[in-house]
PDB file of N, CA and C in Angstrom:
ATOM      1  N   MET A   1      15.916  59.923 191.869  1.00  0.00           N
ATOM      2  CA  MET A   1      17.210  60.552 191.652  1.00  0.00           C
ATOM      3  C   MET A   1      17.933  60.664 192.994  1.00  0.00           C
ATOM      4  N   SER A   2      19.195  60.295 193.010  1.00  0.00           N
ATOM      5  CA  SER A   2      19.966  60.362 194.250  1.00  0.00           C
ATOM      6  C   SER A   2      20.733  61.681 194.336  1.00  0.00           C
ATOM      7  N   THR A   3      21.294  61.909 195.480  1.00  0.00           N
ATOM      8  CA  THR A   3      22.032  63.135 195.743  1.00  0.00           C
ATOM      9  C   THR A   3      23.514  62.835 195.823  1.00  0.00           C
ATOM     10  N   GLU A   4      24.314  63.701 195.229  1.00  0.00           N
ATOM     11  CA  GLU A   4      25.765  63.613 195.299  1.00  0.00           C
ATOM     12  C   GLU A   4      26.256  64.655 196.299  1.00  0.00           C
ATOM     13  N   TYR A   5      27.209  64.264 197.142  1.00  0.00           N
ATOM     14  CA  TYR A   5      27.742  65.143 198.168  1.00  0.00           C
ATOM     15  C   TYR A   5      29.197  65.472 197.880  1.00  0.00           C
ATOM     16  N   ARG A   6      29.603  66.673 198.252  1.00  0.00           N
ATOM     17  CA  ARG A   6      30.996  67.085 198.080  1.00  0.00           C
ATOM     18  C   ARG A   6      31.412  67.863 199.320  1.00  0.00           C
ATOM     19  N   TYR A   7      32.464  67.395 199.985  1.00  0.00           N
ATOM     20  CA  TYR A   7      33.043  68.116 201.113  1.00  0.00           C
ATOM     21  C   TYR A   7      34.329  68.778 200.650  1.00  0.00           C
ATOM     22  N   VAL A   8      34.488  70.033 201.005  1.00  0.00           N
ATOM     23  CA  VAL A   8      35.691  70.778 200.673  1.00  0.00           C
ATOM     24  C   VAL A   8      36.330  71.207 201.988  1.00  0.00           C
ATOM     25  N   GLU A   9      37.595  70.912 202.137  1.00  0.00           N
ATOM     26  CA  GLU A   9      38.330  71.170 203.372  1.00  0.00           C
ATOM     27  C   GLU A   9      39.312  72.318 203.147  1.00  0.00           C
ATOM     28  N   THR A  10      39.414  73.198 204.129  1.00  0.00           N
ATOM     29  CA  THR A  10      40.413  74.257 204.060  1.00  0.00           C
ATOM     30  C   THR A  10      40.986  74.518 205.447  1.00  0.00           C
ATOM     31  N   SER A  11      42.282  74.756 205.492  1.00  0.00           N
ATOM     32  CA  SER A  11      42.918  75.143 206.753  1.00  0.00           C
ATOM     33  C   SER A  11      43.188  76.645 206.771  1.00  0.00           C
ATOM     34  N   TYR A  12      42.833  77.314 205.681  1.00  0.00           N
ATOM     35  CA  TYR A  12      42.975  78.769 205.587  1.00  0.00           C
ATOM     36  C   TYR A  12      41.589  79.360 205.836  1.00  0.00           C
ATOM     37  N   VAL A  13      41.230  79.536 207.101  1.00  0.00           N
ATOM     38  CA  VAL A  13      39.868  79.895 207.496  1.00  0.00           C
ATOM     39  C   VAL A  13      39.747  81.413 207.663  1.00  0.00           C
ATOM     40  N   THR A  14      39.485  82.076 206.538  1.00  0.00           N
ATOM     41  CA  THR A  14      39.217  83.518 206.553  1.00  0.00           C
ATOM     42  C   THR A  14      37.926  83.751 205.784  1.00  0.00           C
ATOM     43  N   ASP A  15      37.330  84.916 205.984  1.00  0.00           N
ATOM     44  CA  ASP A  15      36.101  85.204 205.250  1.00  0.00           C
ATOM     45  C   ASP A  15      36.350  85.228 203.746  1.00  0.00           C
ATOM     46  N   GLU A  16      37.506  85.732 203.329  1.00  0.00           N
ATOM     47  CA  GLU A  16      37.812  85.783 201.897  1.00  0.00           C
ATOM     48  C   GLU A  16      37.932  84.383 201.292  1.00  0.00           C
ATOM     49  N   GLU A  17      38.620  83.483 202.003  1.00  0.00           N
ATOM     50  CA  GLU A  17      38.796  82.122 201.490  1.00  0.00           C
ATOM     51  C   GLU A  17      37.486  81.353 201.478  1.00  0.00           C
ATOM     52  N   LEU A  18      36.696  81.472 202.532  1.00  0.00           N
ATOM     53  CA  LEU A  18      35.415  80.773 202.568  1.00  0.00           C
ATOM     54  C   LEU A  18      34.482  81.289 201.481  1.00  0.00           C
ATOM     55  N   THR A  19      34.461  82.596 201.261  1.00  0.00           N
ATOM     56  CA  THR A  19      33.653  83.176 200.181  1.00  0.00           C
ATOM     57  C   THR A  19      34.122  82.668 198.827  1.00  0.00           C
ATOM     58  N   ARG A  20      35.439  82.626 198.629  1.00  0.00           N
ATOM     59  CA  ARG A  20      35.990  82.147 197.357  1.00  0.00           C
ATOM     60  C   ARG A  20      35.576  80.698 197.095  1.00  0.00           C
ATOM     61  N   LEU A  21      35.672  79.851 198.126  1.00  0.00           N
ATOM     62  CA  LEU A  21      35.310  78.444 197.958  1.00  0.00           C
ATOM     63  C   LEU A  21      33.825  78.267 197.656  1.00  0.00           C
ATOM     64  N   VAL A  22      32.964  78.990 198.365  1.00  0.00           N
ATOM     65  CA  VAL A  22      31.521  78.896 198.098  1.00  0.00           C
ATOM     66  C   VAL A  22      31.224  79.349 196.675  1.00  0.00           C
ATOM     67  N   ASN A  23      31.796  80.458 196.259  1.00  0.00           N
ATOM     68  CA  ASN A  23      31.563  80.958 194.897  1.00  0.00           C
ATOM     69  C   ASN A  23      32.105  79.999 193.840  1.00  0.00           C
ATOM     70  N   GLU A  24      33.271  79.417 194.107  1.00  0.00           N
ATOM     71  CA  GLU A  24      33.882  78.483 193.155  1.00  0.00           C
ATOM     72  C   GLU A  24      33.011  77.244 192.942  1.00  0.00           C
ATOM     73  N   TRP A  25      32.556  76.632 194.036  1.00  0.00           N
ATOM     74  CA  TRP A  25      31.807  75.384 193.912  1.00  0.00           C
ATOM     75  C   TRP A  25      30.365  75.604 193.465  1.00  0.00           C
ATOM     76  N   THR A  26      29.743  76.705 193.843  1.00  0.00           N
ATOM     77  CA  THR A  26      28.388  76.959 193.353  1.00  0.00           C
ATOM     78  C   THR A  26      28.414  77.284 191.857  1.00  0.00           C
ATOM     79  N   ALA A  27      29.488  77.897 191.376  1.00  0.00           N
ATOM     80  CA  ALA A  27      29.625  78.153 189.935  1.00  0.00           C
ATOM     81  C   ALA A  27      29.775  76.845 189.153  1.00  0.00           C
ATOM     82  N   LYS A  28      30.233  75.792 189.807  1.00  0.00           N
ATOM     83  CA  LYS A  28      30.376  74.467 189.175  1.00  0.00           C
ATOM     84  C   LYS A  28      29.085  73.664 189.242  1.00  0.00           C
ATOM     85  N   GLY A  29      28.023  74.255 189.786  1.00  0.00           N
ATOM     86  CA  GLY A  29      26.734  73.575 189.815  1.00  0.00           C
ATOM     87  C   GLY A  29      26.377  72.930 191.144  1.00  0.00           C
ATOM     88  N   TRP A  30      27.206  73.095 192.155  1.00  0.00           N
ATOM     89  CA  TRP A  30      26.922  72.548 193.477  1.00  0.00           C
ATOM     90  C   TRP A  30      26.119  73.545 194.283  1.00  0.00           C
ATOM     91  N   ARG A  31      25.270  73.053 195.190  1.00  0.00           N
ATOM     92  CA  ARG A  31      24.486  73.911 196.079  1.00  0.00           C
ATOM     93  C   ARG A  31      25.099  73.854 197.479  1.00  0.00           C
ATOM     94  N   TYR A  32      25.384  75.008 198.030  1.00  0.00           N
ATOM     95  CA  TYR A  32      25.966  75.094 199.364  1.00  0.00           C
ATOM     96  C   TYR A  32      24.953  74.615 200.397  1.00  0.00           C
ATOM     97  N   GLU A  33      25.394  73.736 201.305  1.00  0.00           N
ATOM     98  CA  GLU A  33      24.506  73.178 202.323  1.00  0.00           C
ATOM     99  C   GLU A  33      24.918  73.529 203.742  1.00  0.00           C
ATOM    100  N   GLY A  34      26.187  73.759 203.992  1.00  0.00           N
ATOM    101  CA  GLY A  34      26.585  74.074 205.358  1.00  0.00           C
ATOM    102  C   GLY A  34      28.083  74.016 205.557  1.00  0.00           C
ATOM    103  N   MET A  35      28.484  74.343 206.792  1.00  0.00           N
ATOM    104  CA  MET A  35      29.899  74.417 207.125  1.00  0.00           C
ATOM    105  C   MET A  35      30.108  73.950 208.568  1.00  0.00           C
ATOM    106  N   GLN A  36      31.202  73.235 208.777  1.00  0.00           N
ATOM    107  CA  GLN A  36      31.608  72.803 210.114  1.00  0.00           C
ATOM    108  C   GLN A  36      33.029  73.294 210.349  1.00  0.00           C
ATOM    109  N   PHE A  37      33.319  73.626 211.611  1.00  0.00           N
ATOM    110  CA  PHE A  37      34.654  74.091 211.961  1.00  0.00           C
ATOM    111  C   PHE A  37      35.322  73.103 212.909  1.00  0.00           C
ATOM    112  N   ALA A  38      36.632  72.940 212.749  1.00  0.00           N
ATOM    113  CA  ALA A  38      37.460  72.193 213.693  1.00  0.00           C
ATOM    114  C   ALA A  38      38.255  73.239 214.466  1.00  0.00           C
ATOM    115  N   MET A  39      38.076  73.222 215.780  1.00  0.00           N
ATOM    116  CA  MET A  39      38.679  74.261 216.609  1.00  0.00           C
ATOM    117  C   MET A  39      40.012  73.805 217.196  1.00  0.00           C
ATOM    118  N   ARG A  40      40.866  74.768 217.429  1.00  0.00           N
ATOM    119  CA  ARG A  40      42.094  74.532 218.185  1.00  0.00           C
ATOM    120  C   ARG A  40      41.738  74.627 219.663  1.00  0.00           C
ATOM    121  N   GLU A  41      42.412  73.842 220.457  1.00  0.00           N
ATOM    122  CA  GLU A  41      42.129  73.856 221.886  1.00  0.00           C
ATOM    123  C   GLU A  41      42.521  75.175 222.539  1.00  0.00           C
ATOM    124  N   ALA A  42      43.640  75.753 222.123  1.00  0.00           N
ATOM    125  CA  ALA A  42      44.174  76.955 222.776  1.00  0.00           C
ATOM    126  C   ALA A  42      43.761  78.255 222.075  1.00  0.00           C
ATOM    127  N   SER A  43      42.810  78.194 221.155  1.00  0.00           N
ATOM    128  CA  SER A  43      42.453  79.385 220.390  1.00  0.00           C
ATOM    129  C   SER A  43      40.954  79.418 220.120  1.00  0.00           C
ATOM    130  N   LYS A  44      40.453  80.609 219.948  1.00  0.00           N
ATOM    131  CA  LYS A  44      39.040  80.758 219.566  1.00  0.00           C
ATOM    132  C   LYS A  44      38.860  80.729 218.054  1.00  0.00           C
ATOM    133  N   ARG A  45      39.965  80.759 217.309  1.00  0.00           N
ATOM    134  CA  ARG A  45      39.902  80.711 215.846  1.00  0.00           C
ATOM    135  C   ARG A  45      39.888  79.266 215.367  1.00  0.00           C
ATOM    136  N   PRO A  46      39.079  78.977 214.373  1.00  0.00           N
ATOM    137  CA  PRO A  46      39.053  77.605 213.845  1.00  0.00           C
ATOM    138  C   PRO A  46      40.368  77.227 213.168  1.00  0.00           C
ATOM    139  N   ALA A  47      40.746  75.979 213.320  1.00  0.00           N
ATOM    140  CA  ALA A  47      41.937  75.458 212.661  1.00  0.00           C
ATOM    141  C   ALA A  47      41.621  75.040 211.226  1.00  0.00           C
ATOM    142  N   MET A  48      40.390  74.560 210.999  1.00  0.00           N
ATOM    143  CA  MET A  48      39.974  74.094 209.674  1.00  0.00           C
ATOM    144  C   MET A  48      38.487  74.337 209.509  1.00  0.00           C
ATOM    145  N   ALA A  49      38.071  74.354 208.251  1.00  0.00           N
ATOM    146  CA  ALA A  49      36.653  74.428 207.927  1.00  0.00           C
ATOM    147  C   ALA A  49      36.346  73.358 206.887  1.00  0.00           C
ATOM    148  N   PHE A  50      35.171  72.785 207.005  1.00  0.00           N
ATOM    149  CA  PHE A  50      34.685  71.782 206.064  1.00  0.00           C
ATOM    150  C   PHE A  50      33.372  72.293 205.500  1.00  0.00           C
ATOM    151  N   LEU A  51      33.324  72.529 204.202  1.00  0.00           N
ATOM    152  CA  LEU A  51      32.140  73.044 203.532  1.00  0.00           C
ATOM    153  C   LEU A  51      31.442  71.891 202.831  1.00  0.00           C
ATOM    154  N   LEU A  52      30.131  71.828 202.954  1.00  0.00           N
ATOM    155  CA  LEU A  52      29.337  70.770 202.339  1.00  0.00           C
ATOM    156  C   LEU A  52      28.537  71.348 201.179  1.00  0.00           C
ATOM    157  N   PHE A  53      28.609  70.650 200.040  1.00  0.00           N
ATOM    158  CA  PHE A  53      27.852  71.012 198.844  1.00  0.00           C
ATOM    159  C   PHE A  53      27.104  69.773 198.365  1.00  0.00           C
ATOM    160  N   ILE A  54      25.959  69.972 197.732  1.00  0.00           N
ATOM    161  CA  ILE A  54      25.192  68.857 197.176  1.00  0.00           C
ATOM    162  C   ILE A  54      24.724  69.205 195.769  1.00  0.00           C
ATOM    163  N   ARG A  55      24.366  68.166 195.020  1.00  0.00           N
ATOM    164  CA  ARG A  55      23.707  68.326 193.720  1.00  0.00           C
ATOM    165  C   ARG A  55      23.061  66.997 193.358  1.00  0.00           C
ATOM    166  N   PRO A  56      22.057  67.058 192.504  1.00  0.00           N
ATOM    167  CA  PRO A  56      21.443  65.812 192.052  1.00  0.00           C
ATOM    168  C   PRO A  56      22.469  64.984 191.268  1.00  0.00           C
ATOM    169  N   ARG A  57      22.465  63.697 191.484  1.00  0.00           N
ATOM    170  CA  ARG A  57      23.399  62.810 190.784  1.00  0.00           C
ATOM    171  C   ARG A  57      22.779  62.397 189.453  1.00  0.00           C
ATOM    172  N   ASP A  58      23.548  62.515 188.401  1.00  0.00           N
ATOM    173  CA  ASP A  58      23.107  62.035 187.090  1.00  0.00           C
ATOM    174  C   ASP A  58      23.108  60.516 187.105  1.00  0.00           C
ATOM    175  N   GLY A  59      22.295  59.925 186.255  1.00  0.00           N
ATOM    176  CA  GLY A  59      22.100  58.489 186.201  1.00  0.00           C
ATOM    177  C   GLY A  59      23.303  57.617 186.470  1.00  0.00           C
ATOM    178  N   GLY A  60      24.339  57.621 185.616  1.00  0.00           N
ATOM    179  CA  GLY A  60      25.441  56.692 185.746  1.00  0.00           C
ATOM    180  C   GLY A  60      26.686  57.270 186.363  1.00  0.00           C
ATOM    181  N   GLU A  61      26.676  58.532 186.728  1.00  0.00           N
ATOM    182  CA  GLU A  61      27.889  59.163 187.259  1.00  0.00           C
ATOM    183  C   GLU A  61      28.126  58.808 188.705  1.00  0.00           C
ATOM    184  N   THR A  62      29.398  58.685 189.079  1.00  0.00           N
ATOM    185  CA  THR A  62      29.765  58.498 190.483  1.00  0.00           C
ATOM    186  C   THR A  62      30.686  59.622 190.900  1.00  0.00           C
ATOM    187  N   GLY A  63      30.730  59.884 192.245  1.00  0.00           N
ATOM    188  CA  GLY A  63      31.488  60.939 192.870  1.00  0.00           C
ATOM    189  C   GLY A  63      32.791  61.218 192.288  1.00  0.00           C
TER     190      GLY A  63
END
């Protein structure tokens, strides 16, 4: 069985938004795997966040 990956991108990087996205995608059957941030050069706050989710891929389904 192969693994299906899903990246979710957001430029609204707050704890509320990140929590909402994790809850939304895990409720759809995805498993949260991690998060990466894209930083602004002149700020300590991230400009964007990329959340990674995975799940087992069903036989004939594609991304």
